Amino acid sequence: MATLIDKIPNLANLTRTCEIFGVSELVIPNKDVINDEGFKNIAVTAEKWIQLVEIKEFELLSFLMLKKNLGFKV
């Protein structure tokens, strides 16, 4: 869950870390970030190996409730 992270270098680093640890899905606030050159320089190609899901801040609570109802621990 990275919906509340708004700094591109932090999102890029987190994406790369998630790829390294085998995370299957990363929730971010805006998928357009993957087109940013700063993101590309840091994340390299990590975004190609994990699923990025766009969830805006105002959608976060309902998304978390959905995941909880599906059996995820929140």
PDB file of N, CA and C in Angstrom:
ATOM      1  N   MET A   1       0.839  -1.173   0.000  1.00  0.00           N
ATOM      2  CA  MET A   1       0.000   0.000   0.000  1.00  0.00           C
ATOM      3  C   MET A   1       0.886   1.238   0.000  1.00  0.00           C
ATOM      4  N   ALA A   2       0.811   1.984  -1.066  1.00  0.00           N
ATOM      5  CA  ALA A   2       1.597   3.215  -1.161  1.00  0.00           C
ATOM      6  C   ALA A   2       0.723   4.383  -1.619  1.00  0.00           C
ATOM      7  N   THR A   3      -0.568   4.291  -1.367  1.00  0.00           N
ATOM      8  CA  THR A   3      -1.500   5.312  -1.828  1.00  0.00           C
ATOM      9  C   THR A   3      -1.204   6.683  -1.240  1.00  0.00           C
ATOM     10  N   LEU A   4      -0.653   6.742  -0.056  1.00  0.00           N
ATOM     11  CA  LEU A   4      -0.403   8.033   0.585  1.00  0.00           C
ATOM     12  C   LEU A   4       1.002   8.565   0.309  1.00  0.00           C
ATOM     13  N   ILE A   5       1.787   7.840  -0.466  1.00  0.00           N
ATOM     14  CA  ILE A   5       3.128   8.300  -0.830  1.00  0.00           C
ATOM     15  C   ILE A   5       3.018   9.117  -2.110  1.00  0.00           C
ATOM     16  N   ASP A   6       3.488  10.355  -2.057  1.00  0.00           N
ATOM     17  CA  ASP A   6       3.321  11.223  -3.220  1.00  0.00           C
ATOM     18  C   ASP A   6       4.638  11.670  -3.861  1.00  0.00           C
ATOM     19  N   LYS A   7       5.739  11.291  -3.303  1.00  0.00           N
ATOM     20  CA  LYS A   7       7.040  11.678  -3.865  1.00  0.00           C
ATOM     21  C   LYS A   7       7.520  10.584  -4.820  1.00  0.00           C
ATOM     22  N   ILE A   8       7.809  10.987  -6.048  1.00  0.00           N
ATOM     23  CA  ILE A   8       8.167  10.042  -7.102  1.00  0.00           C
ATOM     24  C   ILE A   8       9.384   9.183  -6.753  1.00  0.00           C
ATOM     25  N   PRO A   9      10.476   9.748  -6.217  1.00  0.00           N
ATOM     26  CA  PRO A   9      11.615   8.882  -5.867  1.00  0.00           C
ATOM     27  C   PRO A   9      11.248   7.812  -4.830  1.00  0.00           C
ATOM     28  N   ASN A  10      10.390   8.162  -3.876  1.00  0.00           N
ATOM     29  CA  ASN A  10       9.984   7.187  -2.866  1.00  0.00           C
ATOM     30  C   ASN A  10       9.152   6.062  -3.484  1.00  0.00           C
ATOM     31  N   LEU A  11       8.247   6.421  -4.390  1.00  0.00           N
ATOM     32  CA  LEU A  11       7.448   5.402  -5.078  1.00  0.00           C
ATOM     33  C   LEU A  11       8.325   4.495  -5.935  1.00  0.00           C
ATOM     34  N   ALA A  12       9.285   5.085  -6.608  1.00  0.00           N
ATOM     35  CA  ALA A  12      10.184   4.298  -7.456  1.00  0.00           C
ATOM     36  C   ALA A  12      11.016   3.335  -6.622  1.00  0.00           C
ATOM     37  N   ASN A  13      11.561   3.819  -5.522  1.00  0.00           N
ATOM     38  CA  ASN A  13      12.343   2.949  -4.638  1.00  0.00           C
ATOM     39  C   ASN A  13      11.483   1.834  -4.060  1.00  0.00           C
ATOM     40  N   LEU A  14      10.271   2.166  -3.654  1.00  0.00           N
ATOM     41  CA  LEU A  14       9.374   1.157  -3.101  1.00  0.00           C
ATOM     42  C   LEU A  14       9.004   0.117  -4.161  1.00  0.00           C
ATOM     43  N   THR A  15       8.784   0.565  -5.378  1.00  0.00           N
ATOM     44  CA  THR A  15       8.476  -0.363  -6.474  1.00  0.00           C
ATOM     45  C   THR A  15       9.626  -1.335  -6.691  1.00  0.00           C
ATOM     46  N   ARG A  16      10.828  -0.807  -6.684  1.00  0.00           N
ATOM     47  CA  ARG A  16      12.003  -1.672  -6.879  1.00  0.00           C
ATOM     48  C   ARG A  16      12.171  -2.644  -5.713  1.00  0.00           C
ATOM     49  N   THR A  17      11.961  -2.162  -4.501  1.00  0.00           N
ATOM     50  CA  THR A  17      12.047  -3.028  -3.319  1.00  0.00           C
ATOM     51  C   THR A  17      11.000  -4.131  -3.387  1.00  0.00           C
ATOM     52  N   CYS A  18       9.783  -3.778  -3.796  1.00  0.00           N
ATOM     53  CA  CYS A  18       8.722  -4.773  -3.917  1.00  0.00           C
ATOM     54  C   CYS A  18       9.087  -5.844  -4.943  1.00  0.00           C
ATOM     55  N   GLU A  19       9.674  -5.427  -6.037  1.00  0.00           N
ATOM     56  CA  GLU A  19      10.084  -6.393  -7.060  1.00  0.00           C
ATOM     57  C   GLU A  19      11.135  -7.348  -6.510  1.00  0.00           C
ATOM     58  N   ILE A  20      12.087  -6.813  -5.784  1.00  0.00           N
ATOM     59  CA  ILE A  20      13.164  -7.636  -5.217  1.00  0.00           C
ATOM     60  C   ILE A  20      12.618  -8.677  -4.244  1.00  0.00           C
ATOM     61  N   PHE A  21      11.614  -8.284  -3.451  1.00  0.00           N
ATOM     62  CA  PHE A  21      11.058  -9.195  -2.449  1.00  0.00           C
ATOM     63  C   PHE A  21       9.902 -10.042  -2.970  1.00  0.00           C
ATOM     64  N   GLY A  22       9.608  -9.955  -4.257  1.00  0.00           N
ATOM     65  CA  GLY A  22       8.596 -10.813  -4.846  1.00  0.00           C
ATOM     66  C   GLY A  22       7.160 -10.420  -4.551  1.00  0.00           C
ATOM     67  N   VAL A  23       6.927  -9.154  -4.274  1.00  0.00           N
ATOM     68  CA  VAL A  23       5.563  -8.675  -4.042  1.00  0.00           C
ATOM     69  C   VAL A  23       4.793  -8.790  -5.351  1.00  0.00           C
ATOM     70  N   SER A  24       3.568  -9.265  -5.282  1.00  0.00           N
ATOM     71  CA  SER A  24       2.799  -9.455  -6.509  1.00  0.00           C
ATOM     72  C   SER A  24       1.989  -8.229  -6.909  1.00  0.00           C
ATOM     73  N   GLU A  25       1.702  -7.349  -5.949  1.00  0.00           N
ATOM     74  CA  GLU A  25       0.848  -6.197  -6.239  1.00  0.00           C
ATOM     75  C   GLU A  25       1.233  -5.015  -5.350  1.00  0.00           C
ATOM     76  N   LEU A  26       1.321  -3.845  -5.958  1.00  0.00           N
ATOM     77  CA  LEU A  26       1.616  -2.619  -5.214  1.00  0.00           C
ATOM     78  C   LEU A  26       0.535  -1.606  -5.527  1.00  0.00           C
ATOM     79  N   VAL A  27      -0.074  -1.060  -4.499  1.00  0.00           N
ATOM     80  CA  VAL A  27      -1.124  -0.056  -4.656  1.00  0.00           C
ATOM     81  C   VAL A  27      -0.476   1.325  -4.603  1.00  0.00           C
ATOM     82  N   ILE A  28      -0.699   2.095  -5.665  1.00  0.00           N
ATOM     83  CA  ILE A  28      -0.127   3.447  -5.762  1.00  0.00           C
ATOM     84  C   ILE A  28      -1.248   4.442  -6.075  1.00  0.00           C
ATOM     85  N   PRO A  29      -0.993   5.737  -5.828  1.00  0.00           N
ATOM     86  CA  PRO A  29      -2.049   6.730  -6.030  1.00  0.00           C
ATOM     87  C   PRO A  29      -2.301   7.109  -7.484  1.00  0.00           C
ATOM     88  N   ASN A  30      -1.321   6.921  -8.361  1.00  0.00           N
ATOM     89  CA  ASN A  30      -1.480   7.361  -9.741  1.00  0.00           C
ATOM     90  C   ASN A  30      -0.523   6.570 -10.640  1.00  0.00           C
ATOM     91  N   LYS A  31      -1.083   5.785 -11.552  1.00  0.00           N
ATOM     92  CA  LYS A  31      -0.246   4.960 -12.426  1.00  0.00           C
ATOM     93  C   LYS A  31       0.514   5.779 -13.465  1.00  0.00           C
ATOM     94  N   ASP A  32       0.137   7.027 -13.653  1.00  0.00           N
ATOM     95  CA  ASP A  32       0.863   7.876 -14.598  1.00  0.00           C
ATOM     96  C   ASP A  32       2.310   8.100 -14.165  1.00  0.00           C
ATOM     97  N   VAL A  33       2.605   7.849 -12.910  1.00  0.00           N
ATOM     98  CA  VAL A  33       3.953   8.057 -12.384  1.00  0.00           C
ATOM     99  C   VAL A  33       4.984   7.208 -13.129  1.00  0.00           C
ATOM    100  N   ILE A  34       4.562   6.072 -13.678  1.00  0.00           N
ATOM    101  CA  ILE A  34       5.528   5.196 -14.348  1.00  0.00           C
ATOM    102  C   ILE A  34       6.085   5.804 -15.630  1.00  0.00           C
ATOM    103  N   ASN A  35       5.463   6.863 -16.114  1.00  0.00           N
ATOM    104  CA  ASN A  35       5.956   7.563 -17.302  1.00  0.00           C
ATOM    105  C   ASN A  35       6.948   8.666 -16.972  1.00  0.00           C
ATOM    106  N   ASP A  36       7.108   8.968 -15.692  1.00  0.00           N
ATOM    107  CA  ASP A  36       8.023  10.017 -15.251  1.00  0.00           C
ATOM    108  C   ASP A  36       9.471   9.531 -15.371  1.00  0.00           C
ATOM    109  N   GLU A  37      10.337  10.355 -15.939  1.00  0.00           N
ATOM    110  CA  GLU A  37      11.747   9.970 -16.133  1.00  0.00           C
ATOM    111  C   GLU A  37      12.446   9.694 -14.806  1.00  0.00           C
ATOM    112  N   GLY A  38      12.140  10.460 -13.772  1.00  0.00           N
ATOM    113  CA  GLY A  38      12.735  10.218 -12.460  1.00  0.00           C
ATOM    114  C   GLY A  38      12.350   8.852 -11.917  1.00  0.00           C
ATOM    115  N   PHE A  39      11.096   8.483 -12.108  1.00  0.00           N
ATOM    116  CA  PHE A  39      10.627   7.164 -11.682  1.00  0.00           C
ATOM    117  C   PHE A  39      11.359   6.072 -12.453  1.00  0.00           C
ATOM    118  N   LYS A  40      11.425   6.236 -13.770  1.00  0.00           N
ATOM    119  CA  LYS A  40      12.078   5.230 -14.622  1.00  0.00           C
ATOM    120  C   LYS A  40      13.544   5.038 -14.247  1.00  0.00           C
ATOM    121  N   ASN A  41      14.239   6.131 -13.930  1.00  0.00           N
ATOM    122  CA  ASN A  41      15.660   6.043 -13.581  1.00  0.00           C
ATOM    123  C   ASN A  41      15.897   5.261 -12.298  1.00  0.00           C
ATOM    124  N   ILE A  42      14.984   5.373 -11.358  1.00  0.00           N
ATOM    125  CA  ILE A  42      15.163   4.698 -10.071  1.00  0.00           C
ATOM    126  C   ILE A  42      14.581   3.285 -10.092  1.00  0.00           C
ATOM    127  N   ALA A  43      13.376   3.145 -10.620  1.00  0.00           N
ATOM    128  CA  ALA A  43      12.692   1.842 -10.608  1.00  0.00           C
ATOM    129  C   ALA A  43      13.272   0.892 -11.641  1.00  0.00           C
ATOM    130  N   VAL A  44      14.011   1.432 -12.602  1.00  0.00           N
ATOM    131  CA  VAL A  44      14.576   0.674 -13.718  1.00  0.00           C
ATOM    132  C   VAL A  44      13.405   0.032 -14.470  1.00  0.00           C
ATOM    133  N   THR A  45      13.168  -1.266 -14.317  1.00  0.00           N
ATOM    134  CA  THR A  45      12.024  -1.916 -14.972  1.00  0.00           C
ATOM    135  C   THR A  45      11.164  -2.676 -13.964  1.00  0.00           C
ATOM    136  N   ALA A  46      11.285  -2.345 -12.704  1.00  0.00           N
ATOM    137  CA  ALA A  46      10.566  -3.074 -11.657  1.00  0.00           C
ATOM    138  C   ALA A  46       9.062  -3.071 -11.879  1.00  0.00           C
ATOM    139  N   GLU A  47       8.520  -1.981 -12.418  1.00  0.00           N
ATOM    140  CA  GLU A  47       7.069  -1.879 -12.611  1.00  0.00           C
ATOM    141  C   GLU A  47       6.553  -2.879 -13.649  1.00  0.00           C
ATOM    142  N   LYS A  48       7.455  -3.461 -14.418  1.00  0.00           N
ATOM    143  CA  LYS A  48       7.045  -4.459 -15.407  1.00  0.00           C
ATOM    144  C   LYS A  48       6.873  -5.846 -14.798  1.00  0.00           C
ATOM    145  N   TRP A  49       7.376  -6.041 -13.597  1.00  0.00           N
ATOM    146  CA  TRP A  49       7.366  -7.367 -12.982  1.00  0.00           C
ATOM    147  C   TRP A  49       6.360  -7.511 -11.849  1.00  0.00           C
ATOM    148  N   ILE A  50       5.781  -6.410 -11.419  1.00  0.00           N
ATOM    149  CA  ILE A  50       4.744  -6.480 -10.385  1.00  0.00           C
ATOM    150  C   ILE A  50       3.525  -5.710 -10.882  1.00  0.00           C
ATOM    151  N   GLN A  51       2.374  -6.112 -10.414  1.00  0.00           N
ATOM    152  CA  GLN A  51       1.144  -5.431 -10.807  1.00  0.00           C
ATOM    153  C   GLN A  51       1.005  -4.145  -9.998  1.00  0.00           C
ATOM    154  N   LEU A  52       0.832  -3.034 -10.696  1.00  0.00           N
ATOM    155  CA  LEU A  52       0.581  -1.760 -10.036  1.00  0.00           C
ATOM    156  C   LEU A  52      -0.910  -1.466 -10.119  1.00  0.00           C
ATOM    157  N   VAL A  53      -1.508  -1.201  -8.968  1.00  0.00           N
ATOM    158  CA  VAL A  53      -2.936  -0.927  -8.884  1.00  0.00           C
ATOM    159  C   VAL A  53      -3.112   0.518  -8.450  1.00  0.00           C
ATOM    160  N   GLU A  54      -3.895   1.269  -9.204  1.00  0.00           N
ATOM    161  CA  GLU A  54      -4.125   2.672  -8.860  1.00  0.00           C
ATOM    162  C   GLU A  54      -5.351   2.791  -7.957  1.00  0.00           C
ATOM    163  N   ILE A  55      -5.127   3.301  -6.749  1.00  0.00           N
ATOM    164  CA  ILE A  55      -6.198   3.573  -5.793  1.00  0.00           C
ATOM    165  C   ILE A  55      -5.963   4.984  -5.264  1.00  0.00           C
ATOM    166  N   LYS A  56      -6.912   5.862  -5.552  1.00  0.00           N
ATOM    167  CA  LYS A  56      -6.821   7.239  -5.065  1.00  0.00           C
ATOM    168  C   LYS A  56      -7.066   7.265  -3.562  1.00  0.00           C
ATOM    169  N   GLU A  57      -6.594   8.319  -2.914  1.00  0.00           N
ATOM    170  CA  GLU A  57      -6.713   8.421  -1.453  1.00  0.00           C
ATOM    171  C   GLU A  57      -8.164   8.290  -0.996  1.00  0.00           C
ATOM    172  N   PHE A  58      -9.106   8.902  -1.715  1.00  0.00           N
ATOM    173  CA  PHE A  58     -10.511   8.843  -1.299  1.00  0.00           C
ATOM    174  C   PHE A  58     -11.123   7.455  -1.494  1.00  0.00           C
ATOM    175  N   GLU A  59     -10.472   6.572  -2.256  1.00  0.00           N
ATOM    176  CA  GLU A  59     -10.933   5.202  -2.476  1.00  0.00           C
ATOM    177  C   GLU A  59     -10.275   4.198  -1.530  1.00  0.00           C
ATOM    178  N   LEU A  60      -9.318   4.664  -0.757  1.00  0.00           N
ATOM    179  CA  LEU A  60      -8.487   3.764   0.043  1.00  0.00           C
ATOM    180  C   LEU A  60      -9.282   2.970   1.069  1.00  0.00           C
ATOM    181  N   LEU A  61     -10.158   3.609   1.806  1.00  0.00           N
ATOM    182  CA  LEU A  61     -10.911   2.903   2.845  1.00  0.00           C
ATOM    183  C   LEU A  61     -11.770   1.791   2.255  1.00  0.00           C
ATOM    184  N   SER A  62     -12.479   2.069   1.182  1.00  0.00           N
ATOM    185  CA  SER A  62     -13.317   1.026   0.585  1.00  0.00           C
ATOM    186  C   SER A  62     -12.459  -0.096  -0.003  1.00  0.00           C
ATOM    187  N   PHE A  63     -11.303   0.238  -0.567  1.00  0.00           N
ATOM    188  CA  PHE A  63     -10.392  -0.791  -1.090  1.00  0.00           C
ATOM    189  C   PHE A  63      -9.899  -1.688   0.042  1.00  0.00           C
ATOM    190  N   LEU A  64      -9.513  -1.093   1.154  1.00  0.00           N
ATOM    191  CA  LEU A  64      -9.039  -1.881   2.295  1.00  0.00           C
ATOM    192  C   LEU A  64     -10.146  -2.772   2.858  1.00  0.00           C
ATOM    193  N   MET A  65     -11.351  -2.260   2.899  1.00  0.00           N
ATOM    194  CA  MET A  65     -12.479  -3.061   3.386  1.00  0.00           C
ATOM    195  C   MET A  65     -12.745  -4.240   2.439  1.00  0.00           C
ATOM    196  N   LEU A  66     -12.631  -4.000   1.150  1.00  0.00           N
ATOM    197  CA  LEU A  66     -12.797  -5.072   0.173  1.00  0.00           C
ATOM    198  C   LEU A  66     -11.737  -6.156   0.385  1.00  0.00           C
ATOM    199  N   LYS A  67     -10.493  -5.746   0.533  1.00  0.00           N
ATOM    200  CA  LYS A  67      -9.414  -6.711   0.755  1.00  0.00           C
ATOM    201  C   LYS A  67      -9.634  -7.481   2.057  1.00  0.00           C
ATOM    202  N   LYS A  68     -10.070  -6.786   3.091  1.00  0.00           N
ATOM    203  CA  LYS A  68     -10.344  -7.455   4.365  1.00  0.00           C
ATOM    204  C   LYS A  68     -11.444  -8.499   4.197  1.00  0.00           C
ATOM    205  N   ASN A  69     -12.499  -8.134   3.483  1.00  0.00           N
ATOM    206  CA  ASN A  69     -13.603  -9.066   3.232  1.00  0.00           C
ATOM    207  C   ASN A  69     -13.166 -10.262   2.398  1.00  0.00           C
ATOM    208  N   LEU A  70     -12.117 -10.099   1.617  1.00  0.00           N
ATOM    209  CA  LEU A  70     -11.576 -11.196   0.810  1.00  0.00           C
ATOM    210  C   LEU A  70     -10.609 -12.079   1.607  1.00  0.00           C
ATOM    211  N   GLY A  71     -10.408 -11.733   2.887  1.00  0.00           N
ATOM    212  CA  GLY A  71      -9.572 -12.559   3.747  1.00  0.00           C
ATOM    213  C   GLY A  71      -8.179 -12.021   4.007  1.00  0.00           C
ATOM    214  N   PHE A  72      -7.849 -10.876   3.438  1.00  0.00           N
ATOM    215  CA  PHE A  72      -6.544 -10.293   3.709  1.00  0.00           C
ATOM    216  C   PHE A  72      -6.513  -9.701   5.106  1.00  0.00           C
ATOM    217  N   LYS A  73      -5.364  -9.708   5.725  1.00  0.00           N
ATOM    218  CA  LYS A  73      -5.193  -9.086   7.037  1.00  0.00           C
ATOM    219  C   LYS A  73      -4.847  -7.618   6.833  1.00  0.00           C
ATOM    220  N   VAL A  74      -5.627  -6.761   7.446  1.00  0.00           N
ATOM    221  CA  VAL A  74      -5.414  -5.321   7.314  1.00  0.00           C
ATOM    222  C   VAL A  74      -5.060  -4.773   8.675  1.00  0.00           C
TER     223      VAL A  74
END
